[in-house]
C-alpha atoms as a PDB file:
ATOM      1  CA  MET A   1       0.524 -13.881 -10.543  1.00  0.00           C
ATOM      2  CA  ALA A   2       2.708 -13.502  -7.457  1.00  0.00           C
ATOM      3  CA  GLU A   3       1.956 -15.485  -4.333  1.00  0.00           C
ATOM      4  CA  ARG A   4      -0.234 -13.602  -1.873  1.00  0.00           C
ATOM      5  CA  LYS A   5       0.536 -13.453   1.819  1.00  0.00           C
ATOM      6  CA  PRO A   6      -2.522 -13.321   4.096  1.00  0.00           C
ATOM      7  CA  PHE A   7      -2.446 -11.080   7.160  1.00  0.00           C
ATOM      8  CA  LEU A   8      -4.894  -9.529   9.601  1.00  0.00           C
ATOM      9  CA  LEU A   9      -5.481  -5.771   9.491  1.00  0.00           C
ATOM     10  CA  ARG A  10      -7.330  -4.059  12.315  1.00  0.00           C
ATOM     11  CA  LEU A  11      -8.985  -0.712  11.558  1.00  0.00           C
ATOM     12  CA  ASP A  12     -11.139   1.587  13.607  1.00  0.00           C
ATOM     13  CA  GLU A  13     -14.744   1.744  12.414  1.00  0.00           C
ATOM     14  CA  ARG A  14     -14.486   5.246  10.921  1.00  0.00           C
ATOM     15  CA  THR A  15     -11.466   4.286   8.791  1.00  0.00           C
ATOM     16  CA  PHE A  16     -13.089   1.010   7.742  1.00  0.00           C
ATOM     17  CA  LEU A  17     -16.309   2.696   6.642  1.00  0.00           C
ATOM     18  CA  ALA A  18     -14.434   5.373   4.667  1.00  0.00           C
ATOM     19  CA  LEU A  19     -12.348   2.656   2.991  1.00  0.00           C
ATOM     20  CA  LYS A  20     -15.495   0.649   2.215  1.00  0.00           C
ATOM     21  CA  ARG A  21     -17.198   3.672   0.608  1.00  0.00           C
ATOM     22  CA  TRP A  22     -14.089   4.353  -1.490  1.00  0.00           C
ATOM     23  CA  ALA A  23     -13.842   0.688  -2.533  1.00  0.00           C
ATOM     24  CA  ASP A  24     -17.527   0.678  -3.476  1.00  0.00           C
ATOM     25  CA  ASP A  25     -17.076   3.855  -5.544  1.00  0.00           C
ATOM     26  CA  ASP A  26     -14.144   2.242  -7.401  1.00  0.00           C
ATOM     27  CA  LEU A  27     -16.003  -1.089  -7.804  1.00  0.00           C
ATOM     28  CA  ARG A  28     -13.351  -2.941  -5.779  1.00  0.00           C
ATOM     29  CA  SER A  29     -13.488  -5.207  -2.772  1.00  0.00           C
ATOM     30  CA  ILE A  30     -12.106  -3.728   0.440  1.00  0.00           C
ATOM     31  CA  ASN A  31      -9.120  -6.060   0.130  1.00  0.00           C
ATOM     32  CA  GLY A  32      -8.566  -4.961  -3.466  1.00  0.00           C
ATOM     33  CA  GLN A  33      -8.754  -1.305  -2.425  1.00  0.00           C
ATOM     34  CA  VAL A  34      -6.182  -1.818   0.351  1.00  0.00           C
ATOM     35  CA  GLU A  35      -3.827  -3.574  -2.097  1.00  0.00           C
ATOM     36  CA  PHE A  36      -4.292  -0.792  -4.675  1.00  0.00           C
ATOM     37  CA  LEU A  37      -3.593   1.969  -2.152  1.00  0.00           C
ATOM     38  CA  LEU A  38      -0.570   0.227  -0.647  1.00  0.00           C
ATOM     39  CA  ARG A  39       0.923  -0.516  -4.065  1.00  0.00           C
ATOM     40  CA  ARG A  40       0.409   3.091  -5.194  1.00  0.00           C
ATOM     41  CA  ALA A  41       1.946   4.478  -1.981  1.00  0.00           C
ATOM     42  CA  LEU A  42       4.944   2.132  -2.308  1.00  0.00           C
ATOM     43  CA  GLU A  43       5.524   3.186  -5.929  1.00  0.00           C
ATOM     44  CA  GLN A  44       5.257   6.899  -5.075  1.00  0.00           C
ATOM     45  CA  ALA A  45       7.709   6.485  -2.187  1.00  0.00           C
ATOM     46  CA  GLY A  46      10.176   4.671  -4.440  1.00  0.00           C
ATOM     47  CA  ARG A  47       9.837   1.501  -2.399  1.00  0.00           C
ATOM     48  CA  LEU A  48       8.428  -0.573  -5.269  1.00  0.00           C
ATOM     49  CA  SER A  49       9.197  -0.150  -8.941  1.00  0.00           C
ATOM     50  CA  ARG A  50       6.346  -0.164 -11.446  1.00  0.00           C
ATOM     51  CA  ASP A  51       7.492  -3.548 -12.807  1.00  0.00           C
ATOM     52  CA  GLY A  52       7.222  -5.039  -9.294  1.00  0.00           C
ATOM     53  CA  ALA A  53      10.963  -5.534  -8.761  1.00  0.00           C
ATOM     54  CA  ASP A  54      12.350  -4.717  -5.330  1.00  0.00           C
ATOM     55  CA  PRO A  55      14.368  -1.484  -5.657  1.00  0.00           C
ATOM     56  CA  GLY A  56      16.652  -2.506  -2.803  1.00  0.00           C
ATOM     57  CA  PRO A  57      17.251  -0.897   0.569  1.00  0.00           C
ATOM     58  CA  ALA A  58      16.022   2.610   1.241  1.00  0.00           C
ATOM     59  CA  LYS A  59      18.553   5.378   0.880  1.00  0.00           C
ATOM     60  CA  PRO A  60      19.071   7.527   3.974  1.00  0.00           C
ATOM     61  CA  GLY A  61      17.932  11.132   3.825  1.00  0.00           C
ATOM     62  CA  PRO A  62      19.994  14.141   4.908  1.00  0.00           C
ATOM     63  CA  ASP A  63      19.225  13.452   8.570  1.00  0.00           C
ATOM     64  CA  GLY A  64      20.452   9.843   8.293  1.00  0.00           C
ATOM     65  CA  ARG A  65      16.989   8.328   8.439  1.00  0.00           C
ATOM     66  CA  SER A  66      15.290   6.527   5.543  1.00  0.00           C
ATOM     67  CA  GLU A  67      13.281   8.793   3.283  1.00  0.00           C
ATOM     68  CA  ILE A  68       9.604   7.894   3.267  1.00  0.00           C
END
């Protein structure tokens, strides 16, 4: 398993409670739910391949900014 990097995440109470309910529904910890959602968003945005390899730098969109 890859090394994990700890960091602090501050959320407003409404967001935290919604995330907690979702994590409970999916039988995950809040931390596990955050990791799942971030990983899924990164894969969908093309920022992380399904095998976990770094796809490299983001390609600029038509306006010159990175596509997100």
